Amino acid sequence: MSLSASLPRPVYLPILTPLSRAVSQDINLVFYIMVVLLTLLVLAVKIWGLVALTMAALALVPVMFTLFVILTLP
């Protein structure tokens, strides 16, 4: 059995393909998305308090772990 046969197939989320096409046409869209996400986080903190910050930090744990692993590769 080869290694490629044992790997799971990638999961394609329906939102990522149109988003990546839009970003490839206009790179400023990335900054607009960041502003919208930051605004949503501020509104969530205003509504739910520190629980919203905790949930956002919890969601970013795998992202930061992956980033640290990539940075420490030789």
PDB file of N, CA and C in Angstrom:
ATOM      1  N   MET A   1       0.843  -1.172   0.000  1.00  0.00           N
ATOM      2  CA  MET A   1       0.000   0.000   0.000  1.00  0.00           C
ATOM      3  C   MET A   1       0.890   1.237   0.000  1.00  0.00           C
ATOM      4  N   SER A   2       0.627   2.138  -0.935  1.00  0.00           N
ATOM      5  CA  SER A   2       1.449   3.335  -1.031  1.00  0.00           C
ATOM      6  C   SER A   2       0.960   4.397  -0.050  1.00  0.00           C
ATOM      7  N   LEU A   3       1.821   5.357   0.190  1.00  0.00           N
ATOM      8  CA  LEU A   3       1.493   6.422   1.129  1.00  0.00           C
ATOM      9  C   LEU A   3       0.357   7.290   0.601  1.00  0.00           C
ATOM     10  N   SER A   4       0.354   7.536  -0.697  1.00  0.00           N
ATOM     11  CA  SER A   4      -0.687   8.401  -1.252  1.00  0.00           C
ATOM     12  C   SER A   4      -2.066   7.754  -1.172  1.00  0.00           C
ATOM     13  N   ALA A   5      -2.126   6.423  -1.162  1.00  0.00           N
ATOM     14  CA  ALA A   5      -3.417   5.749  -1.064  1.00  0.00           C
ATOM     15  C   ALA A   5      -3.984   5.853   0.350  1.00  0.00           C
ATOM     16  N   SER A   6      -3.123   6.012   1.348  1.00  0.00           N
ATOM     17  CA  SER A   6      -3.605   6.063   2.723  1.00  0.00           C
ATOM     18  C   SER A   6      -3.959   7.475   3.187  1.00  0.00           C
ATOM     19  N   LEU A   7      -3.571   8.501   2.412  1.00  0.00           N
ATOM     20  CA  LEU A   7      -3.871   9.873   2.805  1.00  0.00           C
ATOM     21  C   LEU A   7      -5.324  10.203   2.484  1.00  0.00           C
ATOM     22  N   PRO A   8      -5.976  10.953   3.377  1.00  0.00           N
ATOM     23  CA  PRO A   8      -7.367  11.328   3.088  1.00  0.00           C
ATOM     24  C   PRO A   8      -7.427  12.354   1.970  1.00  0.00           C
ATOM     25  N   ARG A   9      -8.542  12.386   1.282  1.00  0.00           N
ATOM     26  CA  ARG A   9      -8.730  13.375   0.227  1.00  0.00           C
ATOM     27  C   ARG A   9      -8.912  14.745   0.846  1.00  0.00           C
ATOM     28  N   PRO A  10      -8.438  15.802   0.179  1.00  0.00           N
ATOM     29  CA  PRO A  10      -8.609  17.146   0.747  1.00  0.00           C
ATOM     30  C   PRO A  10     -10.074  17.544   0.745  1.00  0.00           C
ATOM     31  N   VAL A  11     -10.419  18.348   1.717  1.00  0.00           N
ATOM     32  CA  VAL A  11     -11.791  18.832   1.848  1.00  0.00           C
ATOM     33  C   VAL A  11     -11.853  20.218   1.225  1.00  0.00           C
ATOM     34  N   TYR A  12     -12.768  20.406   0.301  1.00  0.00           N
ATOM     35  CA  TYR A  12     -12.941  21.699  -0.344  1.00  0.00           C
ATOM     36  C   TYR A  12     -14.181  22.378   0.223  1.00  0.00           C
ATOM     37  N   LEU A  13     -13.971  23.500   0.850  1.00  0.00           N
ATOM     38  CA  LEU A  13     -15.089  24.256   1.390  1.00  0.00           C
ATOM     39  C   LEU A  13     -15.635  25.168   0.296  1.00  0.00           C
ATOM     40  N   PRO A  14     -16.932  25.276   0.166  1.00  0.00           N
ATOM     41  CA  PRO A  14     -17.496  26.068  -0.935  1.00  0.00           C
ATOM     42  C   PRO A  14     -17.144  27.549  -0.883  1.00  0.00           C
ATOM     43  N   ILE A  15     -16.777  28.067   0.282  1.00  0.00           N
ATOM     44  CA  ILE A  15     -16.475  29.493   0.378  1.00  0.00           C
ATOM     45  C   ILE A  15     -15.042  29.800  -0.063  1.00  0.00           C
ATOM     46  N   LEU A  16     -14.140  28.834   0.020  1.00  0.00           N
ATOM     47  CA  LEU A  16     -12.737  29.115  -0.251  1.00  0.00           C
ATOM     48  C   LEU A  16     -12.436  29.328  -1.728  1.00  0.00           C
ATOM     49  N   THR A  17     -13.090  28.603  -2.611  1.00  0.00           N
ATOM     50  CA  THR A  17     -12.787  28.727  -4.034  1.00  0.00           C
ATOM     51  C   THR A  17     -13.188  30.101  -4.578  1.00  0.00           C
ATOM     52  N   PRO A  18     -14.426  30.565  -4.370  1.00  0.00           N
ATOM     53  CA  PRO A  18     -14.743  31.911  -4.872  1.00  0.00           C
ATOM     54  C   PRO A  18     -13.924  32.999  -4.191  1.00  0.00           C
ATOM     55  N   LEU A  19     -13.611  32.793  -2.919  1.00  0.00           N
ATOM     56  CA  LEU A  19     -12.816  33.788  -2.201  1.00  0.00           C
ATOM     57  C   LEU A  19     -11.401  33.867  -2.765  1.00  0.00           C
ATOM     58  N   SER A  20     -10.799  32.724  -3.058  1.00  0.00           N
ATOM     59  CA  SER A  20      -9.447  32.734  -3.614  1.00  0.00           C
ATOM     60  C   SER A  20      -9.428  33.330  -5.020  1.00  0.00           C
ATOM     61  N   ARG A  21     -10.483  33.091  -5.791  1.00  0.00           N
ATOM     62  CA  ARG A  21     -10.562  33.715  -7.122  1.00  0.00           C
ATOM     63  C   ARG A  21     -10.687  35.229  -7.006  1.00  0.00           C
ATOM     64  N   ALA A  22     -11.484  35.686  -6.051  1.00  0.00           N
ATOM     65  CA  ALA A  22     -11.671  37.127  -5.875  1.00  0.00           C
ATOM     66  C   ALA A  22     -10.384  37.786  -5.394  1.00  0.00           C
ATOM     67  N   VAL A  23      -9.658  37.130  -4.501  1.00  0.00           N
ATOM     68  CA  VAL A  23      -8.404  37.688  -3.993  1.00  0.00           C
ATOM     69  C   VAL A  23      -7.357  37.722  -5.096  1.00  0.00           C
ATOM     70  N   SER A  24      -7.365  36.731  -5.977  1.00  0.00           N
ATOM     71  CA  SER A  24      -6.389  36.748  -7.065  1.00  0.00           C
ATOM     72  C   SER A  24      -6.657  37.904  -8.035  1.00  0.00           C
ATOM     73  N   GLN A  25      -7.892  38.381  -8.094  1.00  0.00           N
ATOM     74  CA  GLN A  25      -8.195  39.516  -8.973  1.00  0.00           C
ATOM     75  C   GLN A  25      -7.928  40.851  -8.287  1.00  0.00           C
ATOM     76  N   ASP A  26      -8.153  40.926  -6.972  1.00  0.00           N
ATOM     77  CA  ASP A  26      -7.947  42.179  -6.250  1.00  0.00           C
ATOM     78  C   ASP A  26      -7.368  41.874  -4.874  1.00  0.00           C
ATOM     79  N   ILE A  27      -6.096  42.181  -4.678  1.00  0.00           N
ATOM     80  CA  ILE A  27      -5.408  41.832  -3.433  1.00  0.00           C
ATOM     81  C   ILE A  27      -5.920  42.680  -2.270  1.00  0.00           C
ATOM     82  N   ASN A  28      -6.515  43.833  -2.538  1.00  0.00           N
ATOM     83  CA  ASN A  28      -7.042  44.680  -1.461  1.00  0.00           C
ATOM     84  C   ASN A  28      -8.203  44.027  -0.738  1.00  0.00           C
ATOM     85  N   LEU A  29      -8.804  43.040  -1.350  1.00  0.00           N
ATOM     86  CA  LEU A  29      -9.916  42.332  -0.715  1.00  0.00           C
ATOM     87  C   LEU A  29      -9.478  41.676   0.594  1.00  0.00           C
ATOM     88  N   VAL A  30      -8.231  41.269   0.691  1.00  0.00           N
ATOM     89  CA  VAL A  30      -7.717  40.672   1.925  1.00  0.00           C
ATOM     90  C   VAL A  30      -7.822  41.664   3.079  1.00  0.00           C
ATOM     91  N   PHE A  31      -7.490  42.908   2.824  1.00  0.00           N
ATOM     92  CA  PHE A  31      -7.548  43.922   3.875  1.00  0.00           C
ATOM     93  C   PHE A  31      -8.992  44.251   4.245  1.00  0.00           C
ATOM     94  N   TYR A  32      -9.883  44.245   3.275  1.00  0.00           N
ATOM     95  CA  TYR A  32     -11.296  44.472   3.566  1.00  0.00           C
ATOM     96  C   TYR A  32     -11.852  43.351   4.444  1.00  0.00           C
ATOM     97  N   ILE A  33     -11.455  42.134   4.136  1.00  0.00           N
ATOM     98  CA  ILE A  33     -11.910  40.992   4.936  1.00  0.00           C
ATOM     99  C   ILE A  33     -11.371  41.091   6.361  1.00  0.00           C
ATOM    100  N   MET A  34     -10.114  41.522   6.512  1.00  0.00           N
ATOM    101  CA  MET A  34      -9.548  41.677   7.847  1.00  0.00           C
ATOM    102  C   MET A  34     -10.299  42.730   8.649  1.00  0.00           C
ATOM    103  N   VAL A  35     -10.686  43.830   8.016  1.00  0.00           N
ATOM    104  CA  VAL A  35     -11.450  44.876   8.704  1.00  0.00           C
ATOM    105  C   VAL A  35     -12.818  44.350   9.120  1.00  0.00           C
ATOM    106  N   VAL A  36     -13.466  43.590   8.244  1.00  0.00           N
ATOM    107  CA  VAL A  36     -14.782  43.039   8.570  1.00  0.00           C
ATOM    108  C   VAL A  36     -14.673  42.061   9.733  1.00  0.00           C
ATOM    109  N   LEU A  37     -13.654  41.187   9.720  1.00  0.00           N
ATOM    110  CA  LEU A  37     -13.493  40.220  10.813  1.00  0.00           C
ATOM    111  C   LEU A  37     -13.169  40.906  12.135  1.00  0.00           C
ATOM    112  N   LEU A  38     -12.343  41.931  12.082  1.00  0.00           N
ATOM    113  CA  LEU A  38     -12.029  42.674  13.308  1.00  0.00           C
ATOM    114  C   LEU A  38     -13.268  43.387  13.847  1.00  0.00           C
ATOM    115  N   THR A  39     -14.074  43.941  12.953  1.00  0.00           N
ATOM    116  CA  THR A  39     -15.318  44.583  13.382  1.00  0.00           C
ATOM    117  C   THR A  39     -16.261  43.579  14.022  1.00  0.00           C
ATOM    118  N   LEU A  40     -16.367  42.397  13.423  1.00  0.00           N
ATOM    119  CA  LEU A  40     -17.210  41.352  14.007  1.00  0.00           C
ATOM    120  C   LEU A  40     -16.711  40.934  15.386  1.00  0.00           C
ATOM    121  N   LEU A  41     -15.396  40.873  15.551  1.00  0.00           N
ATOM    122  CA  LEU A  41     -14.838  40.516  16.857  1.00  0.00           C
ATOM    123  C   LEU A  41     -15.139  41.599  17.893  1.00  0.00           C
ATOM    124  N   VAL A  42     -15.013  42.857  17.504  1.00  0.00           N
ATOM    125  CA  VAL A  42     -15.320  43.949  18.432  1.00  0.00           C
ATOM    126  C   VAL A  42     -16.787  43.919  18.831  1.00  0.00           C
ATOM    127  N   LEU A  43     -17.672  43.684  17.871  1.00  0.00           N
ATOM    128  CA  LEU A  43     -19.097  43.601  18.193  1.00  0.00           C
ATOM    129  C   LEU A  43     -19.400  42.399  19.078  1.00  0.00           C
ATOM    130  N   ALA A  44     -18.714  41.286  18.840  1.00  0.00           N
ATOM    131  CA  ALA A  44     -18.919  40.106  19.676  1.00  0.00           C
ATOM    132  C   ALA A  44     -18.465  40.367  21.109  1.00  0.00           C
ATOM    133  N   VAL A  45     -17.345  41.073  21.264  1.00  0.00           N
ATOM    134  CA  VAL A  45     -16.878  41.410  22.618  1.00  0.00           C
ATOM    135  C   VAL A  45     -17.854  42.364  23.289  1.00  0.00           C
ATOM    136  N   LYS A  46     -18.419  43.269  22.522  1.00  0.00           N
ATOM    137  CA  LYS A  46     -19.394  44.198  23.095  1.00  0.00           C
ATOM    138  C   LYS A  46     -20.645  43.456  23.570  1.00  0.00           C
ATOM    139  N   ILE A  47     -21.028  42.417  22.842  1.00  0.00           N
ATOM    140  CA  ILE A  47     -22.241  41.673  23.196  1.00  0.00           C
ATOM    141  C   ILE A  47     -21.962  40.644  24.285  1.00  0.00           C
ATOM    142  N   TRP A  48     -20.937  39.796  24.087  1.00  0.00           N
ATOM    143  CA  TRP A  48     -20.724  38.661  24.978  1.00  0.00           C
ATOM    144  C   TRP A  48     -19.553  38.840  25.948  1.00  0.00           C
ATOM    145  N   GLY A  49     -18.772  39.878  25.810  1.00  0.00           N
ATOM    146  CA  GLY A  49     -17.669  40.129  26.736  1.00  0.00           C
ATOM    147  C   GLY A  49     -16.428  39.308  26.401  1.00  0.00           C
ATOM    148  N   LEU A  50     -15.694  38.970  27.435  1.00  0.00           N
ATOM    149  CA  LEU A  50     -14.416  38.282  27.247  1.00  0.00           C
ATOM    150  C   LEU A  50     -14.566  36.861  26.711  1.00  0.00           C
ATOM    151  N   VAL A  51     -15.754  36.303  26.779  1.00  0.00           N
ATOM    152  CA  VAL A  51     -15.971  34.961  26.237  1.00  0.00           C
ATOM    153  C   VAL A  51     -15.703  34.963  24.733  1.00  0.00           C
ATOM    154  N   ALA A  52     -16.060  36.040  24.050  1.00  0.00           N
ATOM    155  CA  ALA A  52     -15.810  36.132  22.607  1.00  0.00           C
ATOM    156  C   ALA A  52     -14.315  36.134  22.313  1.00  0.00           C
ATOM    157  N   LEU A  53     -13.533  36.837  23.129  1.00  0.00           N
ATOM    158  CA  LEU A  53     -12.072  36.824  22.932  1.00  0.00           C
ATOM    159  C   LEU A  53     -11.492  35.445  23.209  1.00  0.00           C
ATOM    160  N   THR A  54     -12.031  34.774  24.203  1.00  0.00           N
ATOM    161  CA  THR A  54     -11.563  33.427  24.519  1.00  0.00           C
ATOM    162  C   THR A  54     -11.842  32.463  23.374  1.00  0.00           C
ATOM    163  N   MET A  55     -13.020  32.558  22.792  1.00  0.00           N
ATOM    164  CA  MET A  55     -13.367  31.677  21.672  1.00  0.00           C
ATOM    165  C   MET A  55     -12.508  31.975  20.444  1.00  0.00           C
ATOM    166  N   ALA A  56     -12.228  33.255  20.203  1.00  0.00           N
ATOM    167  CA  ALA A  56     -11.369  33.622  19.075  1.00  0.00           C
ATOM    168  C   ALA A  56      -9.944  33.100  19.292  1.00  0.00           C
ATOM    169  N   ALA A  57      -9.441  33.226  20.507  1.00  0.00           N
ATOM    170  CA  ALA A  57      -8.099  32.726  20.805  1.00  0.00           C
ATOM    171  C   ALA A  57      -8.051  31.206  20.712  1.00  0.00           C
ATOM    172  N   LEU A  58      -9.102  30.544  21.151  1.00  0.00           N
ATOM    173  CA  LEU A  58      -9.157  29.091  21.066  1.00  0.00           C
ATOM    174  C   LEU A  58      -9.166  28.621  19.617  1.00  0.00           C
ATOM    175  N   ALA A  59      -9.847  29.350  18.755  1.00  0.00           N
ATOM    176  CA  ALA A  59      -9.889  28.983  17.339  1.00  0.00           C
ATOM    177  C   ALA A  59      -8.533  29.189  16.653  1.00  0.00           C
ATOM    178  N   LEU A  60      -7.713  30.091  17.178  1.00  0.00           N
ATOM    179  CA  LEU A  60      -6.419  30.380  16.549  1.00  0.00           C
ATOM    180  C   LEU A  60      -5.276  29.501  17.063  1.00  0.00           C
ATOM    181  N   VAL A  61      -5.531  28.654  18.033  1.00  0.00           N
ATOM    182  CA  VAL A  61      -4.470  27.793  18.571  1.00  0.00           C
ATOM    183  C   VAL A  61      -3.873  26.878  17.497  1.00  0.00           C
ATOM    184  N   PRO A  62      -4.668  26.148  16.706  1.00  0.00           N
ATOM    185  CA  PRO A  62      -4.049  25.308  15.666  1.00  0.00           C
ATOM    186  C   PRO A  62      -3.305  26.116  14.605  1.00  0.00           C
ATOM    187  N   VAL A  63      -3.799  27.311  14.316  1.00  0.00           N
ATOM    188  CA  VAL A  63      -3.127  28.156  13.321  1.00  0.00           C
ATOM    189  C   VAL A  63      -1.743  28.561  13.820  1.00  0.00           C
ATOM    190  N   MET A  64      -1.671  28.999  15.062  1.00  0.00           N
ATOM    191  CA  MET A  64      -0.385  29.417  15.618  1.00  0.00           C
ATOM    192  C   MET A  64       0.572  28.234  15.774  1.00  0.00           C
ATOM    193  N   PHE A  65       0.038  27.084  16.168  1.00  0.00           N
ATOM    194  CA  PHE A  65       0.886  25.902  16.296  1.00  0.00           C
ATOM    195  C   PHE A  65       1.502  25.544  14.947  1.00  0.00           C
ATOM    196  N   THR A  66       0.699  25.566  13.905  1.00  0.00           N
ATOM    197  CA  THR A  66       1.202  25.269  12.559  1.00  0.00           C
ATOM    198  C   THR A  66       2.231  26.307  12.129  1.00  0.00           C
ATOM    199  N   LEU A  67       1.963  27.572  12.430  1.00  0.00           N
ATOM    200  CA  LEU A  67       2.910  28.627  12.081  1.00  0.00           C
ATOM    201  C   LEU A  67       4.252  28.430  12.790  1.00  0.00           C
ATOM    202  N   PHE A  68       4.211  28.078  14.066  1.00  0.00           N
ATOM    203  CA  PHE A  68       5.458  27.842  14.799  1.00  0.00           C
ATOM    204  C   PHE A  68       6.223  26.646  14.250  1.00  0.00           C
ATOM    205  N   VAL A  69       5.518  25.600  13.877  1.00  0.00           N
ATOM    206  CA  VAL A  69       6.185  24.432  13.305  1.00  0.00           C
ATOM    207  C   VAL A  69       6.839  24.790  11.973  1.00  0.00           C
ATOM    208  N   ILE A  70       6.145  25.547  11.144  1.00  0.00           N
ATOM    209  CA  ILE A  70       6.700  25.946   9.849  1.00  0.00           C
ATOM    210  C   ILE A  70       7.923  26.849  10.039  1.00  0.00           C
ATOM    211  N   LEU A  71       7.871  27.747  11.012  1.00  0.00           N
ATOM    212  CA  LEU A  71       8.999  28.649  11.254  1.00  0.00           C
ATOM    213  C   LEU A  71      10.232  27.928  11.784  1.00  0.00           C
ATOM    214  N   THR A  72      10.040  26.824  12.478  1.00  0.00           N
ATOM    215  CA  THR A  72      11.183  26.143  13.051  1.00  0.00           C
ATOM    216  C   THR A  72      11.780  25.066  12.144  1.00  0.00           C
ATOM    217  N   LEU A  73      11.187  24.876  10.975  1.00  0.00           N
ATOM    218  CA  LEU A  73      11.762  23.897  10.038  1.00  0.00           C
ATOM    219  C   LEU A  73      13.105  24.426   9.529  1.00  0.00           C
ATOM    220  N   PRO A  74      14.058  23.549   9.322  1.00  0.00           N
ATOM    221  CA  PRO A  74      15.374  24.021   8.850  1.00  0.00           C
ATOM    222  C   PRO A  74      15.342  24.504   7.419  1.00  0.00           C
TER     223      PRO A  74
END
